[in-house]
Amino acid sequence: MHAPGSTAISAQEAAFRDLRRQRRATTLVGVAVLAVLLAAAAWMSEFHPASVVAGFPRIGEYLSKVLPSLEWANLLAGPETEGSLAFWFYRLDAWLLLLFETAQMAAIATLMGAAVAMLLAFPAAKTLGAPNWVFQLTRRLLEATRTVPEIVFALIFVWAFGVGALAGILAIALHTTGALGKLFADAMENVELRPWDGVRASGGTWFEACRFAVLPAALPDLLSYAMLRFEVNLRSASVIGFVGAGGIGEELYKVISFNYYEEISAIILLIIFAVMLIDMTSERLRRRVIEVVT
């Protein structure tokens, strides 16, 4: 005869095993459905393993052409000596100037986009109590601006304003508004609302509650998102130069078109170093802001 306690434990163990079997069955069904969907996506997009395997050697061939032929004995020689760093970066002064222009494009576009995104994020945050029609309109507007790629906006603005940096700045700023607006609104929705309730209860307006209760709490996250977007925009500014929107992208498109292989790697390396510098700077700035806010 079993004790009542052991009977209850056995019943719990049996229930646990049944629940575990159900979860395993559900997981297996989910994995099977996911596998079918992935297979269908690969078939429709012509993602064939044989094509991928066949293409990898060609990637290696291209990289072998892009990488410079440096020679240790001539590494520090002048720009007229093949195999030297100076020969590899023989147009360094012009490239740095174009990269600086690209960084300025990204900075201005990020500042413009972040400013507009900040204004739109408050009504786009569901927890802050904006009228539903304002909330829906703002959300749809942000979705529309971030859905269209920057290069499409750049093509439109190049046609409207002509070839140059202005078209690139406007294209990146417009896309940045949509992307940062969504991130800013999500960050504001995660803010503790007791300060908000306190400001509202003491007679503060909706705008005052946004300014004094929500913004200080969300500021570190907003700054982090903006700095991350600055990095993204630096890369975007390099790409949209392919359509005549200014910056180092035009130079990169030119050297790719003419198969100046070593120049391709030199320009890409400069862009990588610029992104690394921005990342280190933004991290220090974010920590300073967090120290001031907290």
Protein backbone atom coordinates (compact mmCIF):
# COMPACT_ATOMS: atom_id res chain seq x y z
CA MET A 1 0.00 0.00 0.00
CA HIS A 2 1.44 3.32 -1.07
CA ALA A 3 1.57 6.30 1.22
CA PRO A 4 -0.52 9.33 0.18
CA GLY A 5 2.63 11.41 -0.23
CA SER A 6 4.30 8.94 -2.58
CA THR A 7 1.10 8.69 -4.63
CA ALA A 8 1.00 12.46 -5.05
CA ILE A 9 4.67 12.53 -6.06
CA SER A 10 4.10 9.75 -8.61
CA ALA A 11 1.16 11.67 -10.06
CA GLN A 12 3.28 14.82 -10.34
CA GLU A 13 6.09 12.90 -12.02
CA ALA A 14 3.65 11.35 -14.48
CA ALA A 15 2.18 14.78 -15.25
CA PHE A 16 5.68 16.19 -15.71
CA ARG A 17 6.59 13.38 -18.13
CA ASP A 18 3.40 13.94 -20.10
CA LEU A 19 4.11 17.67 -20.30
CA ARG A 20 7.68 17.00 -21.40
CA ARG A 21 6.48 14.61 -24.14
CA GLN A 22 4.00 17.23 -25.35
CA ARG A 23 6.72 19.88 -25.46
CA ARG A 24 9.05 17.56 -27.34
CA ALA A 25 6.33 16.74 -29.85
CA THR A 26 5.55 20.45 -30.28
CA THR A 27 9.25 21.21 -30.73
CA LEU A 28 9.65 18.47 -33.33
CA VAL A 29 6.64 19.74 -35.26
CA GLY A 30 7.99 23.29 -35.12
CA VAL A 31 11.44 22.19 -36.31
CA ALA A 32 9.87 20.20 -39.16
CA VAL A 33 7.74 23.16 -40.26
CA LEU A 34 10.77 25.47 -40.06
CA ALA A 35 12.85 23.03 -42.13
CA VAL A 36 10.15 22.88 -44.81
CA LEU A 37 9.89 26.67 -44.91
CA LEU A 38 13.66 27.08 -45.15
CA ALA A 39 13.82 24.50 -47.95
CA ALA A 40 11.04 26.30 -49.81
CA ALA A 41 12.77 29.65 -49.34
CA ALA A 42 16.07 28.22 -50.62
CA TRP A 43 14.35 26.71 -53.65
CA MET A 44 12.46 29.89 -54.53
CA SER A 45 15.55 32.09 -54.07
CA GLU A 46 17.75 29.63 -56.05
CA PHE A 47 20.03 29.10 -53.07
CA HIS A 48 21.59 25.88 -54.29
CA PRO A 49 24.39 24.29 -52.24
CA ALA A 50 26.20 23.29 -55.45
CA SER A 51 26.32 26.92 -56.57
CA VAL A 52 27.65 28.03 -53.19
CA VAL A 53 30.38 25.37 -53.22
CA ALA A 54 31.33 26.27 -56.78
CA GLY A 55 31.51 29.98 -55.96
CA PHE A 56 33.80 29.79 -52.94
CA PRO A 57 36.99 29.23 -54.99
CA ARG A 58 36.18 32.31 -57.06
CA ILE A 59 35.91 34.34 -53.85
CA GLY A 60 39.40 33.20 -52.98
CA GLU A 61 40.65 34.19 -56.43
CA TYR A 62 39.16 37.66 -56.07
CA LEU A 63 40.63 38.13 -52.59
CA SER A 64 44.05 37.10 -53.90
CA LYS A 65 43.81 39.89 -56.46
CA VAL A 66 42.53 42.47 -53.98
CA LEU A 67 45.18 41.87 -51.31
CA PRO A 68 48.38 43.85 -51.92
CA SER A 69 51.70 42.28 -52.85
CA LEU A 70 53.71 43.56 -49.90
CA GLU A 71 57.42 42.79 -49.61
CA TRP A 72 59.08 42.84 -46.23
CA ALA A 73 62.30 44.35 -47.58
CA ASN A 74 60.41 47.23 -49.22
CA LEU A 75 57.62 47.60 -46.66
CA LEU A 76 58.61 51.08 -45.51
CA ALA A 77 59.93 52.34 -48.83
CA GLY A 78 58.49 55.26 -50.77
CA PRO A 79 55.33 55.37 -52.88
CA GLU A 80 57.29 54.65 -56.06
CA THR A 81 58.52 51.26 -54.79
CA GLU A 82 56.26 48.29 -55.43
CA GLY A 83 55.64 46.11 -52.39
CA SER A 84 55.64 49.02 -49.94
CA LEU A 85 52.80 50.34 -47.80
CA ALA A 86 53.23 53.76 -49.38
CA PHE A 87 52.80 52.21 -52.84
CA TRP A 88 49.60 50.50 -51.66
CA PHE A 89 48.19 53.74 -50.22
CA TYR A 90 49.67 55.99 -52.90
CA ARG A 91 46.48 58.14 -52.96
CA LEU A 92 46.06 58.25 -49.19
CA ASP A 93 45.66 62.04 -49.04
CA ALA A 94 42.80 62.05 -51.56
CA TRP A 95 41.14 59.02 -49.97
CA LEU A 96 41.30 60.52 -46.47
CA LEU A 97 39.69 63.69 -47.78
CA LEU A 98 36.88 61.67 -49.39
CA LEU A 99 36.51 59.58 -46.24
CA PHE A 100 36.26 62.77 -44.18
CA GLU A 101 33.55 63.99 -46.54
CA THR A 102 31.75 60.66 -46.13
CA ALA A 103 31.98 60.91 -42.34
CA GLN A 104 30.58 64.44 -42.46
CA MET A 105 27.70 63.21 -44.62
CA ALA A 106 26.99 60.45 -42.11
CA ALA A 107 27.25 62.80 -39.14
CA ILE A 108 24.91 65.44 -40.58
CA ALA A 109 22.43 62.81 -41.75
CA THR A 110 22.50 61.09 -38.37
CA LEU A 111 21.95 64.37 -36.55
CA MET A 112 19.05 65.33 -38.81
CA GLY A 113 17.46 61.91 -38.67
CA ALA A 114 17.90 61.57 -34.90
CA ALA A 115 16.36 65.00 -34.27
CA VAL A 116 13.24 64.19 -36.29
CA ALA A 117 13.10 60.67 -34.85
CA MET A 118 13.21 62.09 -31.33
CA LEU A 119 10.17 64.26 -32.02
CA LEU A 120 8.24 61.41 -33.61
CA ALA A 121 9.21 58.81 -30.99
CA PHE A 122 7.11 60.34 -28.20
CA PRO A 123 3.76 59.99 -30.01
CA ALA A 124 4.95 56.65 -31.43
CA ALA A 125 5.45 55.20 -27.94
CA LYS A 126 2.22 53.43 -27.03
CA THR A 127 2.64 53.80 -23.26
CA LEU A 128 2.82 57.60 -23.37
CA GLY A 129 -0.86 58.03 -24.13
CA ALA A 130 -0.88 59.90 -27.43
CA PRO A 131 -4.24 59.79 -29.28
CA ASN A 132 -4.63 56.54 -31.18
CA TRP A 133 -4.83 58.22 -34.59
CA VAL A 134 -1.61 60.12 -33.86
CA PHE A 135 0.07 56.92 -32.67
CA GLN A 136 -1.01 54.97 -35.77
CA LEU A 137 -0.07 57.76 -38.18
CA THR A 138 3.37 58.20 -36.61
CA ARG A 139 4.11 54.47 -36.58
CA ARG A 140 3.09 54.07 -40.23
CA LEU A 141 5.22 57.06 -41.22
CA LEU A 142 8.27 55.61 -39.49
CA GLU A 143 7.66 52.26 -41.15
CA ALA A 144 7.45 53.86 -44.58
CA THR A 145 10.69 55.82 -44.21
CA ARG A 146 12.75 52.91 -42.96
CA THR A 147 11.35 50.35 -45.41
CA VAL A 148 12.71 52.05 -48.53
CA PRO A 149 16.50 51.48 -48.83
CA GLU A 150 18.81 54.47 -48.69
CA ILE A 151 20.07 53.83 -52.21
CA VAL A 152 16.53 54.21 -53.59
CA PHE A 153 16.11 57.53 -51.79
CA ALA A 154 19.57 58.51 -53.08
CA LEU A 155 18.54 57.83 -56.68
CA ILE A 156 15.46 60.03 -56.23
CA PHE A 157 17.41 62.86 -54.62
CA VAL A 158 20.22 62.67 -57.19
CA TRP A 159 17.57 63.17 -59.87
CA ALA A 160 16.06 66.07 -57.91
CA PHE A 161 19.18 67.85 -56.60
CA GLY A 162 21.90 66.57 -58.89
CA VAL A 163 25.06 64.58 -58.22
CA GLY A 164 26.74 65.39 -54.92
CA ALA A 165 26.73 65.02 -51.16
CA LEU A 166 23.36 66.73 -50.61
CA ALA A 167 21.46 63.85 -52.19
CA GLY A 168 23.31 61.35 -50.01
CA ILE A 169 22.71 63.32 -46.82
CA LEU A 170 18.97 63.63 -47.44
CA ALA A 171 18.65 59.95 -48.37
CA ILE A 172 20.45 58.74 -45.25
CA ALA A 173 18.64 61.22 -42.99
CA LEU A 174 15.24 60.08 -44.24
CA HIS A 175 16.01 56.41 -43.67
CA THR A 176 17.61 57.19 -40.31
CA THR A 177 14.42 58.93 -39.17
CA GLY A 178 12.41 55.75 -39.64
CA ALA A 179 15.00 53.42 -38.14
CA LEU A 180 15.81 55.52 -35.08
CA GLY A 181 12.19 56.53 -34.57
CA LYS A 182 11.25 52.88 -34.03
CA LEU A 183 14.19 52.25 -31.69
CA PHE A 184 13.61 55.47 -29.74
CA ALA A 185 9.92 54.69 -29.29
CA ASP A 186 10.68 51.17 -28.06
CA ALA A 187 13.22 52.56 -25.58
CA MET A 188 10.65 55.04 -24.26
CA GLU A 189 8.06 52.29 -23.87
CA ASN A 190 10.48 50.44 -21.57
CA VAL A 191 10.93 53.42 -19.25
CA GLU A 192 9.49 53.21 -15.72
CA LEU A 193 6.28 55.26 -15.75
CA ARG A 194 6.12 56.30 -12.09
CA PRO A 195 7.99 59.57 -12.77
CA TRP A 196 5.61 60.13 -15.68
CA ASP A 197 2.60 59.62 -13.42
CA GLY A 198 4.13 61.94 -10.86
CA VAL A 199 4.61 64.78 -13.34
CA ARG A 200 1.09 64.33 -14.70
CA ALA A 201 -0.44 64.13 -11.21
CA SER A 202 1.27 67.36 -10.19
CA GLY A 203 -0.32 69.20 -13.10
CA GLY A 204 2.36 68.83 -15.72
CA THR A 205 1.39 68.76 -19.38
CA TRP A 206 2.00 65.83 -21.72
CA PHE A 207 4.98 67.62 -23.22
CA GLU A 208 6.45 68.39 -19.78
CA ALA A 209 6.07 64.74 -18.75
CA CYS A 210 7.88 63.65 -21.92
CA ARG A 211 10.64 66.17 -21.32
CA PHE A 212 11.26 65.71 -17.60
CA ALA A 213 10.13 62.12 -16.88
CA VAL A 214 10.77 60.04 -20.01
CA LEU A 215 13.68 61.69 -21.79
CA PRO A 216 16.25 61.59 -18.93
CA ALA A 217 15.55 57.91 -18.24
CA ALA A 218 15.75 56.89 -21.90
CA LEU A 219 18.68 59.14 -22.85
CA PRO A 220 21.52 56.57 -22.50
CA ASP A 221 19.70 54.12 -24.76
CA LEU A 222 18.82 56.85 -27.23
CA LEU A 223 22.44 57.92 -27.43
CA SER A 224 23.60 54.34 -27.87
CA TYR A 225 21.15 53.81 -30.73
CA ALA A 226 22.17 57.09 -32.36
CA MET A 227 25.86 56.23 -32.21
CA LEU A 228 25.22 52.78 -33.62
CA ARG A 229 23.27 54.40 -36.41
CA PHE A 230 26.18 56.72 -37.08
CA GLU A 231 28.34 53.68 -37.78
CA VAL A 232 25.65 52.24 -40.05
CA ASN A 233 25.32 55.56 -41.85
CA LEU A 234 29.05 55.74 -42.48
CA ARG A 235 28.81 52.44 -44.32
CA SER A 236 25.63 53.57 -46.06
CA ALA A 237 27.28 56.81 -47.17
CA SER A 238 30.06 54.72 -48.70
CA VAL A 239 27.56 52.58 -50.62
CA ILE A 240 25.24 55.28 -51.94
CA GLY A 241 28.24 57.00 -53.46
CA PHE A 242 27.88 54.32 -56.13
CA VAL A 243 24.91 56.27 -57.54
CA GLY A 244 26.65 59.65 -57.45
CA ALA A 245 25.70 60.74 -53.94
CA GLY A 246 29.20 61.89 -53.02
CA GLY A 247 31.89 60.70 -50.63
CA ILE A 248 34.37 57.90 -50.89
CA GLY A 249 31.72 55.64 -52.39
CA GLU A 250 32.20 57.24 -55.79
CA GLU A 251 35.91 56.49 -55.62
CA LEU A 252 35.25 52.93 -54.49
CA TYR A 253 32.82 52.42 -57.37
CA LYS A 254 35.42 53.76 -59.79
CA VAL A 255 38.21 51.45 -58.66
CA ILE A 256 35.86 48.46 -58.66
CA SER A 257 34.67 49.31 -62.18
CA PHE A 258 38.22 49.57 -63.50
CA ASN A 259 39.44 46.51 -61.53
CA TYR A 260 42.07 48.44 -59.58
CA TYR A 261 42.24 45.56 -57.14
CA GLU A 262 44.79 46.81 -54.61
CA GLU A 263 43.07 50.18 -54.40
CA ILE A 264 39.83 48.38 -53.51
CA SER A 265 41.42 46.76 -50.45
CA ALA A 266 43.08 50.03 -49.41
CA ILE A 267 39.80 51.97 -49.46
CA ILE A 268 37.88 49.21 -47.68
CA LEU A 269 40.57 49.08 -44.99
CA LEU A 270 40.27 52.83 -44.44
CA ILE A 271 36.50 52.51 -44.05
CA ILE A 272 36.97 49.70 -41.50
CA PHE A 273 39.41 51.81 -39.47
CA ALA A 274 36.96 54.73 -39.54
CA VAL A 275 34.13 52.55 -38.22
CA MET A 276 36.39 51.20 -35.46
CA LEU A 277 37.32 54.74 -34.45
CA ILE A 278 33.66 55.77 -34.32
CA ASP A 279 32.81 52.73 -32.22
CA MET A 280 35.50 53.47 -29.63
CA THR A 281 34.56 57.15 -29.49
CA SER A 282 30.84 56.46 -29.16
CA GLU A 283 31.41 54.00 -26.32
CA ARG A 284 33.38 56.57 -24.34
CA LEU A 285 30.78 59.24 -25.01
CA ARG A 286 27.94 56.95 -23.96
CA ARG A 287 29.67 56.14 -20.67
CA ARG A 288 30.19 59.84 -19.98
CA VAL A 289 26.49 60.53 -20.56
CA ILE A 290 25.45 57.64 -18.32
CA GLU A 291 27.68 59.00 -15.54
CA VAL A 292 26.13 62.46 -15.89
CA VAL A 293 22.54 61.18 -16.02
CA THR A 294 22.89 58.72 -13.15
